[in-house]
Amino acid sequence: MRRLVLILALLAAACSPRPPNDVALEPIIEGNVYDPAITPLPADEPISSGPISAAPITAAPITAAPITPAPISPAPAPAVRPARSDKERLVTAIQAEGCVLNATNSERVLQSLGISNERLGELGGELMKEGRVEVVPPAEFRLIDGPCAS
């Protein structure tokens, strides 16, 4: 572990930037102000920014190109699912209850669907006429079609 720490410390020291050898760094002390008379620039590296001229820059007049907006296509209409009937919602709820509607889960199903006992009787009668449910005594509806078919 100590070797690893030593190796990492050496790598960090080797990778850290170092000042060039030919530049003498002066410590900054309070009141130290740069004075070009005291610290002249090296003669072999004059500062130049290129030719300087007082001639104004002229350009052609600026004209704006007309902006043509892109045609806007109407957003596609959202897919509208037809409203599911109470009977379809009841079948889905019974499937979620293991394909059986009985005394233990009927209140939960009725509350989730927001229907009354009378409406449940009507829907149950319709499902029985269609042959989609069977009545198991004493009081149980069992779906026998679709995913509940045995």
C-alpha atoms as a PDB file:
ATOM      1  CA  MET A   1       0.000   0.000   0.000  1.00  0.00           C
ATOM      2  CA  ARG A   2       2.845   2.380   0.835  1.00  0.00           C
ATOM      3  CA  ARG A   3       4.474   1.619  -2.506  1.00  0.00           C
ATOM      4  CA  LEU A   4       1.272   2.484  -4.320  1.00  0.00           C
ATOM      5  CA  VAL A   5       0.981   5.808  -2.482  1.00  0.00           C
ATOM      6  CA  LEU A   6       4.630   6.601  -3.229  1.00  0.00           C
ATOM      7  CA  ILE A   7       4.194   5.751  -6.927  1.00  0.00           C
ATOM      8  CA  LEU A   8       1.069   7.919  -7.159  1.00  0.00           C
ATOM      9  CA  ALA A   9       2.859  10.820  -5.452  1.00  0.00           C
ATOM     10  CA  LEU A  10       5.783  10.557  -7.867  1.00  0.00           C
ATOM     11  CA  LEU A  11       3.442  10.420 -10.870  1.00  0.00           C
ATOM     12  CA  ALA A  12       1.580  13.483  -9.639  1.00  0.00           C
ATOM     13  CA  ALA A  13       4.844  15.389  -9.189  1.00  0.00           C
ATOM     14  CA  ALA A  14       6.062  14.349 -12.631  1.00  0.00           C
ATOM     15  CA  CYS A  15       2.819  15.410 -14.325  1.00  0.00           C
ATOM     16  CA  SER A  16       2.491  18.790 -12.641  1.00  0.00           C
ATOM     17  CA  PRO A  17       3.358  21.773 -14.875  1.00  0.00           C
ATOM     18  CA  ARG A  18       6.674  23.410 -14.206  1.00  0.00           C
ATOM     19  CA  PRO A  19       7.721  26.940 -15.103  1.00  0.00           C
ATOM     20  CA  PRO A  20      10.165  27.273 -17.995  1.00  0.00           C
ATOM     21  CA  ASN A  21      13.797  27.265 -16.893  1.00  0.00           C
ATOM     22  CA  ASP A  22      14.709  30.486 -18.694  1.00  0.00           C
ATOM     23  CA  VAL A  23      12.111  32.648 -16.922  1.00  0.00           C
ATOM     24  CA  ALA A  24      13.073  34.142 -13.639  1.00  0.00           C
ATOM     25  CA  LEU A  25      10.107  34.391 -11.325  1.00  0.00           C
ATOM     26  CA  GLU A  26      10.085  37.239  -8.909  1.00  0.00           C
ATOM     27  CA  PRO A  27       8.216  37.023  -5.657  1.00  0.00           C
ATOM     28  CA  ILE A  28       5.228  39.315  -5.324  1.00  0.00           C
ATOM     29  CA  ILE A  29       5.616  41.586  -2.369  1.00  0.00           C
ATOM     30  CA  GLU A  30       3.405  44.374  -1.156  1.00  0.00           C
ATOM     31  CA  GLY A  31       3.915  47.551  -3.130  1.00  0.00           C
ATOM     32  CA  ASN A  32       5.669  45.730  -5.992  1.00  0.00           C
ATOM     33  CA  VAL A  33       4.551  47.511  -9.190  1.00  0.00           C
ATOM     34  CA  TYR A  34       5.601  46.704 -12.732  1.00  0.00           C
ATOM     35  CA  ASP A  35       7.936  49.326 -14.121  1.00  0.00           C
ATOM     36  CA  PRO A  36       9.166  48.761 -17.688  1.00  0.00           C
ATOM     37  CA  ALA A  37      12.215  50.955 -17.015  1.00  0.00           C
ATOM     38  CA  ILE A  38      13.337  48.544 -14.336  1.00  0.00           C
ATOM     39  CA  THR A  39      12.319  45.336 -16.137  1.00  0.00           C
ATOM     40  CA  PRO A  40      12.875  45.892 -19.871  1.00  0.00           C
ATOM     41  CA  LEU A  41      11.502  43.476 -22.459  1.00  0.00           C
ATOM     42  CA  PRO A  42      14.007  41.166 -24.109  1.00  0.00           C
ATOM     43  CA  ALA A  43      15.275  42.710 -27.358  1.00  0.00           C
ATOM     44  CA  ASP A  44      14.863  39.501 -29.339  1.00  0.00           C
ATOM     45  CA  GLU A  45      11.081  39.317 -28.646  1.00  0.00           C
ATOM     46  CA  PRO A  46       9.535  42.660 -29.594  1.00  0.00           C
ATOM     47  CA  ILE A  47       5.795  43.064 -29.178  1.00  0.00           C
ATOM     48  CA  SER A  48       4.047  43.511 -32.481  1.00  0.00           C
ATOM     49  CA  SER A  49       0.432  43.330 -33.468  1.00  0.00           C
ATOM     50  CA  GLY A  50       0.871  43.774 -37.186  1.00  0.00           C
ATOM     51  CA  PRO A  51       0.598  46.887 -39.313  1.00  0.00           C
ATOM     52  CA  ILE A  52      -1.421  49.701 -37.862  1.00  0.00           C
ATOM     53  CA  SER A  53      -3.298  52.001 -40.175  1.00  0.00           C
ATOM     54  CA  ALA A  54      -5.776  54.762 -39.615  1.00  0.00           C
ATOM     55  CA  ALA A  55      -7.718  54.011 -42.791  1.00  0.00           C
ATOM     56  CA  PRO A  56     -11.370  53.282 -42.113  1.00  0.00           C
ATOM     57  CA  ILE A  57     -12.699  49.885 -43.035  1.00  0.00           C
ATOM     58  CA  THR A  58     -15.324  50.115 -45.731  1.00  0.00           C
ATOM     59  CA  ALA A  59     -17.814  47.445 -46.619  1.00  0.00           C
ATOM     60  CA  ALA A  60     -20.716  47.010 -48.949  1.00  0.00           C
ATOM     61  CA  PRO A  61     -24.114  48.061 -47.639  1.00  0.00           C
ATOM     62  CA  ILE A  62     -25.845  45.441 -45.548  1.00  0.00           C
ATOM     63  CA  THR A  63     -29.129  44.154 -46.931  1.00  0.00           C
ATOM     64  CA  ALA A  64     -31.464  41.791 -45.166  1.00  0.00           C
ATOM     65  CA  ALA A  65     -32.724  38.747 -46.998  1.00  0.00           C
ATOM     66  CA  PRO A  66     -36.447  38.136 -46.681  1.00  0.00           C
ATOM     67  CA  ILE A  67     -37.266  35.459 -44.169  1.00  0.00           C
ATOM     68  CA  THR A  68     -39.820  32.951 -45.322  1.00  0.00           C
ATOM     69  CA  PRO A  69     -41.338  30.984 -42.455  1.00  0.00           C
ATOM     70  CA  ALA A  70     -41.442  27.256 -42.843  1.00  0.00           C
ATOM     71  CA  PRO A  71     -44.912  25.903 -43.402  1.00  0.00           C
ATOM     72  CA  ILE A  72     -46.480  24.680 -40.216  1.00  0.00           C
ATOM     73  CA  SER A  73     -48.193  21.353 -40.479  1.00  0.00           C
ATOM     74  CA  PRO A  74     -51.014  20.705 -38.076  1.00  0.00           C
ATOM     75  CA  ALA A  75     -50.215  18.411 -35.186  1.00  0.00           C
ATOM     76  CA  PRO A  76     -51.631  14.950 -35.611  1.00  0.00           C
ATOM     77  CA  ALA A  77     -54.824  14.447 -33.708  1.00  0.00           C
ATOM     78  CA  PRO A  78     -54.367  12.332 -30.613  1.00  0.00           C
ATOM     79  CA  ALA A  79     -55.695   8.834 -30.909  1.00  0.00           C
ATOM     80  CA  VAL A  80     -59.107   8.811 -29.329  1.00  0.00           C
ATOM     81  CA  ARG A  81     -59.997   5.553 -27.747  1.00  0.00           C
ATOM     82  CA  PRO A  82     -63.679   4.941 -27.675  1.00  0.00           C
ATOM     83  CA  ALA A  83     -65.105   5.042 -24.201  1.00  0.00           C
ATOM     84  CA  ARG A  84     -65.255   1.589 -22.713  1.00  0.00           C
ATOM     85  CA  SER A  85     -68.642   0.443 -21.625  1.00  0.00           C
ATOM     86  CA  ASP A  86     -69.452  -0.529 -18.050  1.00  0.00           C
ATOM     87  CA  LYS A  87     -69.592  -4.140 -19.170  1.00  0.00           C
ATOM     88  CA  GLU A  88     -66.056  -4.055 -20.649  1.00  0.00           C
ATOM     89  CA  ARG A  89     -64.746  -2.338 -17.530  1.00  0.00           C
ATOM     90  CA  LEU A  90     -66.431  -4.984 -15.341  1.00  0.00           C
ATOM     91  CA  VAL A  91     -64.878  -7.825 -17.358  1.00  0.00           C
ATOM     92  CA  THR A  92     -61.432  -6.220 -17.039  1.00  0.00           C
ATOM     93  CA  ALA A  93     -61.905  -5.759 -13.285  1.00  0.00           C
ATOM     94  CA  ILE A  94     -63.006  -9.384 -12.826  1.00  0.00           C
ATOM     95  CA  GLN A  95     -59.984 -10.565 -14.835  1.00  0.00           C
ATOM     96  CA  ALA A  96     -57.761  -8.535 -12.510  1.00  0.00           C
ATOM     97  CA  GLU A  97     -59.366 -10.354  -9.546  1.00  0.00           C
ATOM     98  CA  GLY A  98     -58.398 -13.776 -10.902  1.00  0.00           C
ATOM     99  CA  CYS A  99     -61.469 -14.170 -13.152  1.00  0.00           C
ATOM    100  CA  VAL A 100     -63.811 -14.493 -10.175  1.00  0.00           C
ATOM    101  CA  LEU A 101     -66.224 -12.020  -8.611  1.00  0.00           C
ATOM    102  CA  ASN A 102     -67.409 -13.094  -5.176  1.00  0.00           C
ATOM    103  CA  ALA A 103     -68.414 -11.720  -1.776  1.00  0.00           C
ATOM    104  CA  THR A 104     -64.819 -10.949  -0.744  1.00  0.00           C
ATOM    105  CA  ASN A 105     -63.886  -8.806  -3.746  1.00  0.00           C
ATOM    106  CA  SER A 106     -67.227  -7.478  -5.030  1.00  0.00           C
ATOM    107  CA  GLU A 107     -67.205  -4.304  -2.900  1.00  0.00           C
ATOM    108  CA  ARG A 108     -63.676  -3.431  -4.064  1.00  0.00           C
ATOM    109  CA  VAL A 109     -64.637  -3.986  -7.710  1.00  0.00           C
ATOM    110  CA  LEU A 110     -67.849  -1.949  -7.375  1.00  0.00           C
ATOM    111  CA  GLN A 111     -65.988   0.948  -5.771  1.00  0.00           C
ATOM    112  CA  SER A 112     -63.219   0.919  -8.386  1.00  0.00           C
ATOM    113  CA  LEU A 113     -65.788   0.975 -11.202  1.00  0.00           C
ATOM    114  CA  GLY A 114     -68.182   3.376  -9.509  1.00  0.00           C
ATOM    115  CA  ILE A 115     -71.275   1.266 -10.230  1.00  0.00           C
ATOM    116  CA  SER A 116     -74.131   0.174  -7.989  1.00  0.00           C
ATOM    117  CA  ASN A 117     -75.284  -3.331  -7.020  1.00  0.00           C
ATOM    118  CA  GLU A 118     -78.298  -2.916  -9.326  1.00  0.00           C
ATOM    119  CA  ARG A 119     -76.048  -2.045 -12.276  1.00  0.00           C
ATOM    120  CA  LEU A 120     -73.832  -5.031 -11.408  1.00  0.00           C
ATOM    121  CA  GLY A 121     -76.923  -7.278 -11.583  1.00  0.00           C
ATOM    122  CA  GLU A 122     -77.825  -5.881 -15.016  1.00  0.00           C
ATOM    123  CA  LEU A 123     -74.308  -6.345 -16.356  1.00  0.00           C
ATOM    124  CA  GLY A 124     -74.064  -9.843 -14.871  1.00  0.00           C
ATOM    125  CA  GLY A 125     -77.328 -10.795 -16.598  1.00  0.00           C
ATOM    126  CA  GLU A 126     -75.987  -9.513 -19.939  1.00  0.00           C
ATOM    127  CA  LEU A 127     -72.747 -11.470 -19.514  1.00  0.00           C
ATOM    128  CA  MET A 128     -74.724 -14.627 -18.653  1.00  0.00           C
ATOM    129  CA  LYS A 129     -76.927 -14.231 -21.783  1.00  0.00           C
ATOM    130  CA  GLU A 130     -73.755 -13.877 -23.882  1.00  0.00           C
ATOM    131  CA  GLY A 131     -72.305 -17.028 -22.301  1.00  0.00           C
ATOM    132  CA  ARG A 132     -69.242 -15.217 -20.961  1.00  0.00           C
ATOM    133  CA  VAL A 133     -69.754 -16.037 -17.253  1.00  0.00           C
ATOM    134  CA  GLU A 134     -71.017 -18.913 -15.207  1.00  0.00           C
ATOM    135  CA  VAL A 135     -72.588 -18.713 -11.782  1.00  0.00           C
ATOM    136  CA  VAL A 136     -70.977 -20.901  -9.150  1.00  0.00           C
ATOM    137  CA  PRO A 137     -73.177 -21.381  -6.037  1.00  0.00           C
ATOM    138  CA  PRO A 138     -73.600 -19.847  -3.578  1.00  0.00           C
ATOM    139  CA  ALA A 139     -72.755 -16.415  -5.103  1.00  0.00           C
ATOM    140  CA  GLU A 140     -69.808 -16.306  -7.449  1.00  0.00           C
ATOM    141  CA  PHE A 141     -69.414 -15.108 -11.021  1.00  0.00           C
ATOM    142  CA  ARG A 142     -66.630 -16.818 -12.956  1.00  0.00           C
ATOM    143  CA  LEU A 143     -65.498 -15.534 -16.348  1.00  0.00           C
ATOM    144  CA  ILE A 144     -65.182 -18.352 -18.874  1.00  0.00           C
ATOM    145  CA  ASP A 145     -63.990 -16.537 -22.009  1.00  0.00           C
ATOM    146  CA  GLY A 146     -60.903 -14.706 -23.157  1.00  0.00           C
ATOM    147  CA  PRO A 147     -57.868 -15.038 -20.857  1.00  0.00           C
ATOM    148  CA  CYS A 148     -60.094 -16.721 -18.233  1.00  0.00           C
ATOM    149  CA  ALA A 149     -61.084 -19.647 -20.474  1.00  0.00           C
ATOM    150  CA  SER A 150     -59.864 -22.896 -18.941  1.00  0.00           C
END
